[in-house]
Amino acid sequence: MSKRSIWIVLGAGALSLIAGAGMWALAGEARGLDGMRKLVRTRFPSVQELSTQELSAWLKDGRKPPPVLLDVRTQAEFDVSHLPGARRVDPDAKAVDVLPILEKGRSVVTYCSVGYRSSAMADRLRKAGVAQVSNLEGSIFQWANEGRPLEANGKPATKVHPYNATFGKMLDEQRRAEVRD
């Protein structure tokens, strides 16, 4: 391995640690899911929010084309459960890498655990020209806490990946998956 490759690997590892520490800091800054929703709105003021009630009604309305649901979490999180029909995209993906999976003119709704990573993605997509993109307010944690449908491997699911121990406290205990490190 060349010296340049080693520095690239070390740099990527450091960035991952910084990003992880940033999510921990966010959890401490926002008290509970309500605090997290407020924090997300403050940090991403130009991102349109869609409530879980609005998305649920939209998905049940057969007269309106459903949105493309983008799950902006890791593969491990997605594998535990996700919204039915959602497509996973990496939280760090660039908009240019996501655009090819979107259908022109179709609305997009992003979500993650609590809304931070998905708001960042929605903001990137909006800046790349996606006109109809919204973030699911409260994201999958709120969706699950309200008892709304989830799936894993094409079958109904009831648990959600907690992201980490701190964020997992925002999930109702009966909805929180046990995840081993």
C-alpha atoms as a PDB file:
ATOM      1  CA  MET A   1       0.000   0.000   0.000  1.00  0.00           C
ATOM      2  CA  SER A   2       1.414   3.386  -0.950  1.00  0.00           C
ATOM      3  CA  LYS A   3       1.868   6.237   1.533  1.00  0.00           C
ATOM      4  CA  ARG A   4      -0.876   8.161  -0.279  1.00  0.00           C
ATOM      5  CA  SER A   5      -3.314   5.226   0.091  1.00  0.00           C
ATOM      6  CA  ILE A   6      -2.523   4.954   3.790  1.00  0.00           C
ATOM      7  CA  TRP A   7      -3.222   8.673   4.284  1.00  0.00           C
ATOM      8  CA  ILE A   8      -6.505   8.357   2.374  1.00  0.00           C
ATOM      9  CA  VAL A   9      -7.603   5.424   4.542  1.00  0.00           C
ATOM     10  CA  LEU A  10      -6.563   7.220   7.743  1.00  0.00           C
ATOM     11  CA  GLY A  11      -8.339  10.393   6.615  1.00  0.00           C
ATOM     12  CA  ALA A  12     -11.540   8.500   5.831  1.00  0.00           C
ATOM     13  CA  GLY A  13     -11.407   6.825   9.239  1.00  0.00           C
ATOM     14  CA  ALA A  14     -10.949  10.160  10.983  1.00  0.00           C
ATOM     15  CA  LEU A  15     -13.885  11.641   9.081  1.00  0.00           C
ATOM     16  CA  SER A  16     -16.058   8.700  10.131  1.00  0.00           C
ATOM     17  CA  LEU A  17     -15.090   9.259  13.776  1.00  0.00           C
ATOM     18  CA  ILE A  18     -15.840  12.969  13.504  1.00  0.00           C
ATOM     19  CA  ALA A  19     -19.230  12.280  11.870  1.00  0.00           C
ATOM     20  CA  GLY A  20     -20.091   9.752  14.580  1.00  0.00           C
ATOM     21  CA  ALA A  21     -19.077  12.193  17.303  1.00  0.00           C
ATOM     22  CA  GLY A  22     -21.213  14.845  15.593  1.00  0.00           C
ATOM     23  CA  MET A  23     -24.289  12.618  15.794  1.00  0.00           C
ATOM     24  CA  TRP A  24     -23.594  12.011  19.509  1.00  0.00           C
ATOM     25  CA  ALA A  25     -23.326  15.770  20.052  1.00  0.00           C
ATOM     26  CA  LEU A  26     -26.640  16.271  18.244  1.00  0.00           C
ATOM     27  CA  ALA A  27     -28.320  13.776  20.546  1.00  0.00           C
ATOM     28  CA  GLY A  28     -27.060  15.702  23.561  1.00  0.00           C
ATOM     29  CA  GLU A  29     -28.053  19.051  22.055  1.00  0.00           C
ATOM     30  CA  ALA A  30     -31.611  17.938  21.297  1.00  0.00           C
ATOM     31  CA  ARG A  31     -33.702  16.525  24.106  1.00  0.00           C
ATOM     32  CA  GLY A  32     -35.757  13.637  22.773  1.00  0.00           C
ATOM     33  CA  LEU A  33     -37.450  13.328  19.411  1.00  0.00           C
ATOM     34  CA  ASP A  34     -39.261  16.681  19.753  1.00  0.00           C
ATOM     35  CA  GLY A  35     -35.953  18.417  20.346  1.00  0.00           C
ATOM     36  CA  MET A  36     -34.407  16.591  17.419  1.00  0.00           C
ATOM     37  CA  ARG A  37     -37.219  17.732  15.088  1.00  0.00           C
ATOM     38  CA  LYS A  38     -36.627  21.351  16.172  1.00  0.00           C
ATOM     39  CA  LEU A  39     -32.878  20.990  15.695  1.00  0.00           C
ATOM     40  CA  VAL A  40     -33.351  19.559  12.193  1.00  0.00           C
ATOM     41  CA  ARG A  41     -35.658  22.440  11.215  1.00  0.00           C
ATOM     42  CA  THR A  42     -33.089  24.939  12.530  1.00  0.00           C
ATOM     43  CA  ARG A  43     -30.120  23.322  10.769  1.00  0.00           C
ATOM     44  CA  PHE A  44     -31.973  22.771   7.451  1.00  0.00           C
ATOM     45  CA  PRO A  45     -34.417  25.695   7.121  1.00  0.00           C
ATOM     46  CA  SER A  46     -34.769  25.347   3.341  1.00  0.00           C
ATOM     47  CA  VAL A  47     -35.803  21.666   3.485  1.00  0.00           C
ATOM     48  CA  GLN A  48     -39.539  21.056   3.271  1.00  0.00           C
ATOM     49  CA  GLU A  49     -40.869  18.810   6.053  1.00  0.00           C
ATOM     50  CA  LEU A  50     -43.662  16.276   5.623  1.00  0.00           C
ATOM     51  CA  SER A  51     -45.436  14.907   8.699  1.00  0.00           C
ATOM     52  CA  THR A  52     -45.893  11.198   9.255  1.00  0.00           C
ATOM     53  CA  GLN A  53     -49.668  11.765   9.100  1.00  0.00           C
ATOM     54  CA  GLU A  54     -49.353  13.475   5.710  1.00  0.00           C
ATOM     55  CA  LEU A  55     -47.130  10.717   4.302  1.00  0.00           C
ATOM     56  CA  SER A  56     -49.430   7.988   5.600  1.00  0.00           C
ATOM     57  CA  ALA A  57     -52.477   9.637   3.972  1.00  0.00           C
ATOM     58  CA  TRP A  58     -50.520  10.146   0.729  1.00  0.00           C
ATOM     59  CA  LEU A  59     -49.485   6.496   0.575  1.00  0.00           C
ATOM     60  CA  LYS A  60     -53.115   5.405   1.076  1.00  0.00           C
ATOM     61  CA  ASP A  61     -54.446   7.795  -1.607  1.00  0.00           C
ATOM     62  CA  GLY A  62     -54.723   5.764  -4.808  1.00  0.00           C
ATOM     63  CA  ARG A  63     -55.464   8.894  -6.875  1.00  0.00           C
ATOM     64  CA  LYS A  64     -52.016  10.407  -6.329  1.00  0.00           C
ATOM     65  CA  PRO A  65     -48.739   8.761  -7.427  1.00  0.00           C
ATOM     66  CA  PRO A  66     -46.768   7.676  -4.354  1.00  0.00           C
ATOM     67  CA  PRO A  67     -43.449   9.383  -3.692  1.00  0.00           C
ATOM     68  CA  VAL A  68     -40.076   7.735  -4.066  1.00  0.00           C
ATOM     69  CA  LEU A  69     -39.089   6.900  -0.489  1.00  0.00           C
ATOM     70  CA  LEU A  70     -35.365   7.243   0.136  1.00  0.00           C
ATOM     71  CA  ASP A  71     -34.014   5.614   3.288  1.00  0.00           C
ATOM     72  CA  VAL A  72     -30.853   7.542   4.135  1.00  0.00           C
ATOM     73  CA  ARG A  73     -29.337   5.111   6.638  1.00  0.00           C
ATOM     74  CA  THR A  74     -26.652   2.454   6.648  1.00  0.00           C
ATOM     75  CA  GLN A  75     -27.258  -1.000   5.212  1.00  0.00           C
ATOM     76  CA  ALA A  76     -27.300  -2.463   8.750  1.00  0.00           C
ATOM     77  CA  GLU A  77     -30.048  -0.026   9.783  1.00  0.00           C
ATOM     78  CA  PHE A  78     -32.061  -0.675   6.606  1.00  0.00           C
ATOM     79  CA  ASP A  79     -31.790  -4.452   7.038  1.00  0.00           C
ATOM     80  CA  VAL A  80     -33.530  -4.320  10.443  1.00  0.00           C
ATOM     81  CA  SER A  81     -36.522  -2.476   8.950  1.00  0.00           C
ATOM     82  CA  HIS A  82     -37.597   0.322   6.650  1.00  0.00           C
ATOM     83  CA  LEU A  83     -40.745   1.908   5.255  1.00  0.00           C
ATOM     84  CA  PRO A  84     -42.443  -0.401   2.746  1.00  0.00           C
ATOM     85  CA  GLY A  85     -41.100   0.150  -0.747  1.00  0.00           C
ATOM     86  CA  ALA A  86     -38.213   2.393   0.349  1.00  0.00           C
ATOM     87  CA  ARG A  87     -34.919   2.486  -1.517  1.00  0.00           C
ATOM     88  CA  ARG A  88     -31.746   2.799   0.530  1.00  0.00           C
ATOM     89  CA  VAL A  89     -29.125   5.387  -0.295  1.00  0.00           C
ATOM     90  CA  ASP A  90     -25.895   5.878   1.577  1.00  0.00           C
ATOM     91  CA  PRO A  91     -26.027   8.856   3.968  1.00  0.00           C
ATOM     92  CA  ASP A  92     -22.844  10.263   2.407  1.00  0.00           C
ATOM     93  CA  ALA A  93     -23.979   9.794  -1.214  1.00  0.00           C
ATOM     94  CA  LYS A  94     -23.694  12.772  -3.496  1.00  0.00           C
ATOM     95  CA  ALA A  95     -26.850  13.991  -5.213  1.00  0.00           C
ATOM     96  CA  VAL A  96     -25.356  13.146  -8.599  1.00  0.00           C
ATOM     97  CA  ASP A  97     -25.137   9.493  -7.500  1.00  0.00           C
ATOM     98  CA  VAL A  98     -28.777   9.430  -6.331  1.00  0.00           C
ATOM     99  CA  LEU A  99     -30.362  11.256  -9.296  1.00  0.00           C
ATOM    100  CA  PRO A 100     -30.251   8.193 -11.619  1.00  0.00           C
ATOM    101  CA  ILE A 101     -32.577   6.187  -9.336  1.00  0.00           C
ATOM    102  CA  LEU A 102     -35.199   8.952  -9.227  1.00  0.00           C
ATOM    103  CA  GLU A 103     -38.059   9.140 -11.696  1.00  0.00           C
ATOM    104  CA  LYS A 104     -38.393  12.538 -13.354  1.00  0.00           C
ATOM    105  CA  GLY A 105     -41.326  14.532 -12.033  1.00  0.00           C
ATOM    106  CA  ARG A 106     -42.032  12.118  -9.165  1.00  0.00           C
ATOM    107  CA  SER A 107     -41.953  13.486  -5.622  1.00  0.00           C
ATOM    108  CA  VAL A 108     -39.242  12.292  -3.253  1.00  0.00           C
ATOM    109  CA  VAL A 109     -39.477  11.813   0.522  1.00  0.00           C
ATOM    110  CA  THR A 110     -36.270  11.198   2.460  1.00  0.00           C
ATOM    111  CA  TYR A 111     -35.986   9.745   5.952  1.00  0.00           C
ATOM    112  CA  CYS A 112     -33.360   8.351   8.312  1.00  0.00           C
ATOM    113  CA  SER A 113     -33.515   7.664  12.063  1.00  0.00           C
ATOM    114  CA  VAL A 114     -34.512  11.097  13.336  1.00  0.00           C
ATOM    115  CA  GLY A 115     -34.261  13.355  10.274  1.00  0.00           C
ATOM    116  CA  TYR A 116     -30.761  14.815  10.284  1.00  0.00           C
ATOM    117  CA  ARG A 117     -29.045  12.655   7.644  1.00  0.00           C
ATOM    118  CA  SER A 118     -32.167  12.629   5.474  1.00  0.00           C
ATOM    119  CA  SER A 119     -32.509  16.428   5.678  1.00  0.00           C
ATOM    120  CA  ALA A 120     -28.910  16.745   4.519  1.00  0.00           C
ATOM    121  CA  MET A 121     -29.747  14.449   1.576  1.00  0.00           C
ATOM    122  CA  ALA A 122     -32.954  16.354   0.787  1.00  0.00           C
ATOM    123  CA  ASP A 123     -30.950  19.584   0.799  1.00  0.00           C
ATOM    124  CA  ARG A 124     -28.357  18.115  -1.599  1.00  0.00           C
ATOM    125  CA  LEU A 125     -31.105  16.854  -3.927  1.00  0.00           C
ATOM    126  CA  ARG A 126     -32.904  20.215  -3.846  1.00  0.00           C
ATOM    127  CA  LYS A 127     -29.681  22.021  -4.727  1.00  0.00           C
ATOM    128  CA  ALA A 128     -29.183  19.519  -7.591  1.00  0.00           C
ATOM    129  CA  GLY A 129     -32.546  20.485  -9.069  1.00  0.00           C
ATOM    130  CA  VAL A 130     -35.032  18.008  -7.560  1.00  0.00           C
ATOM    131  CA  ALA A 131     -38.056  20.277  -7.166  1.00  0.00           C
ATOM    132  CA  GLN A 132     -40.352  18.030  -5.141  1.00  0.00           C
ATOM    133  CA  VAL A 133     -38.287  16.703  -2.246  1.00  0.00           C
ATOM    134  CA  SER A 134     -39.343  16.592   1.407  1.00  0.00           C
ATOM    135  CA  ASN A 135     -37.918  15.166   4.598  1.00  0.00           C
ATOM    136  CA  LEU A 136     -40.131  12.961   6.771  1.00  0.00           C
ATOM    137  CA  GLU A 137     -40.380  14.881  10.027  1.00  0.00           C
ATOM    138  CA  GLY A 138     -39.273  12.666  12.928  1.00  0.00           C
ATOM    139  CA  SER A 139     -38.246  10.085  10.325  1.00  0.00           C
ATOM    140  CA  ILE A 140     -38.501   6.340  10.947  1.00  0.00           C
ATOM    141  CA  PHE A 141     -38.365   6.731  14.744  1.00  0.00           C
ATOM    142  CA  GLN A 142     -41.579   8.778  14.792  1.00  0.00           C
ATOM    143  CA  TRP A 143     -43.157   6.572  12.100  1.00  0.00           C
ATOM    144  CA  ALA A 144     -42.452   3.445  14.158  1.00  0.00           C
ATOM    145  CA  ASN A 145     -43.437   5.034  17.488  1.00  0.00           C
ATOM    146  CA  GLU A 146     -46.843   5.750  15.924  1.00  0.00           C
ATOM    147  CA  GLY A 147     -47.207   2.069  14.982  1.00  0.00           C
ATOM    148  CA  ARG A 148     -47.079   2.674  11.238  1.00  0.00           C
ATOM    149  CA  PRO A 149     -46.044  -0.147   8.857  1.00  0.00           C
ATOM    150  CA  LEU A 150     -42.455  -1.293   8.518  1.00  0.00           C
ATOM    151  CA  GLU A 151     -40.891  -4.102   6.535  1.00  0.00           C
ATOM    152  CA  ALA A 152     -37.707  -6.126   6.321  1.00  0.00           C
ATOM    153  CA  ASN A 153     -36.956  -8.593   3.539  1.00  0.00           C
ATOM    154  CA  GLY A 154     -40.425  -7.989   2.067  1.00  0.00           C
ATOM    155  CA  LYS A 155     -42.206  -9.013   5.286  1.00  0.00           C
ATOM    156  CA  PRO A 156     -43.831  -6.923   8.046  1.00  0.00           C
ATOM    157  CA  ALA A 157     -41.431  -5.819  10.776  1.00  0.00           C
ATOM    158  CA  THR A 158     -41.971  -4.205  14.176  1.00  0.00           C
ATOM    159  CA  LYS A 159     -38.487  -3.160  15.316  1.00  0.00           C
ATOM    160  CA  VAL A 160     -36.182  -0.350  14.200  1.00  0.00           C
ATOM    161  CA  HIS A 161     -32.401  -0.143  14.370  1.00  0.00           C
ATOM    162  CA  PRO A 162     -31.651   2.357  17.194  1.00  0.00           C
ATOM    163  CA  TYR A 163     -28.597   3.953  15.455  1.00  0.00           C
ATOM    164  CA  ASN A 164     -26.834   3.977  18.836  1.00  0.00           C
ATOM    165  CA  ALA A 165     -27.695   3.752  22.549  1.00  0.00           C
ATOM    166  CA  THR A 166     -28.319   7.492  22.924  1.00  0.00           C
ATOM    167  CA  PHE A 167     -30.519   7.882  19.858  1.00  0.00           C
ATOM    168  CA  GLY A 168     -32.272   4.583  20.581  1.00  0.00           C
ATOM    169  CA  LYS A 169     -33.849   6.182  23.656  1.00  0.00           C
ATOM    170  CA  MET A 170     -36.017   8.172  21.218  1.00  0.00           C
ATOM    171  CA  LEU A 171     -37.664   4.922  20.114  1.00  0.00           C
ATOM    172  CA  ASP A 172     -40.406   3.307  22.152  1.00  0.00           C
ATOM    173  CA  GLU A 173     -38.819   0.360  23.939  1.00  0.00           C
ATOM    174  CA  GLN A 174     -41.045  -2.210  22.171  1.00  0.00           C
ATOM    175  CA  ARG A 175     -39.970  -0.754  18.785  1.00  0.00           C
ATOM    176  CA  ARG A 176     -36.225  -0.701  19.519  1.00  0.00           C
ATOM    177  CA  ALA A 177     -34.233  -3.545  17.979  1.00  0.00           C
ATOM    178  CA  GLU A 178     -31.429  -5.042  19.992  1.00  0.00           C
ATOM    179  CA  VAL A 179     -28.272  -4.482  18.018  1.00  0.00           C
ATOM    180  CA  ARG A 180     -24.956  -6.072  18.921  1.00  0.00           C
ATOM    181  CA  ASP A 181     -21.787  -4.174  18.079  1.00  0.00           C
END
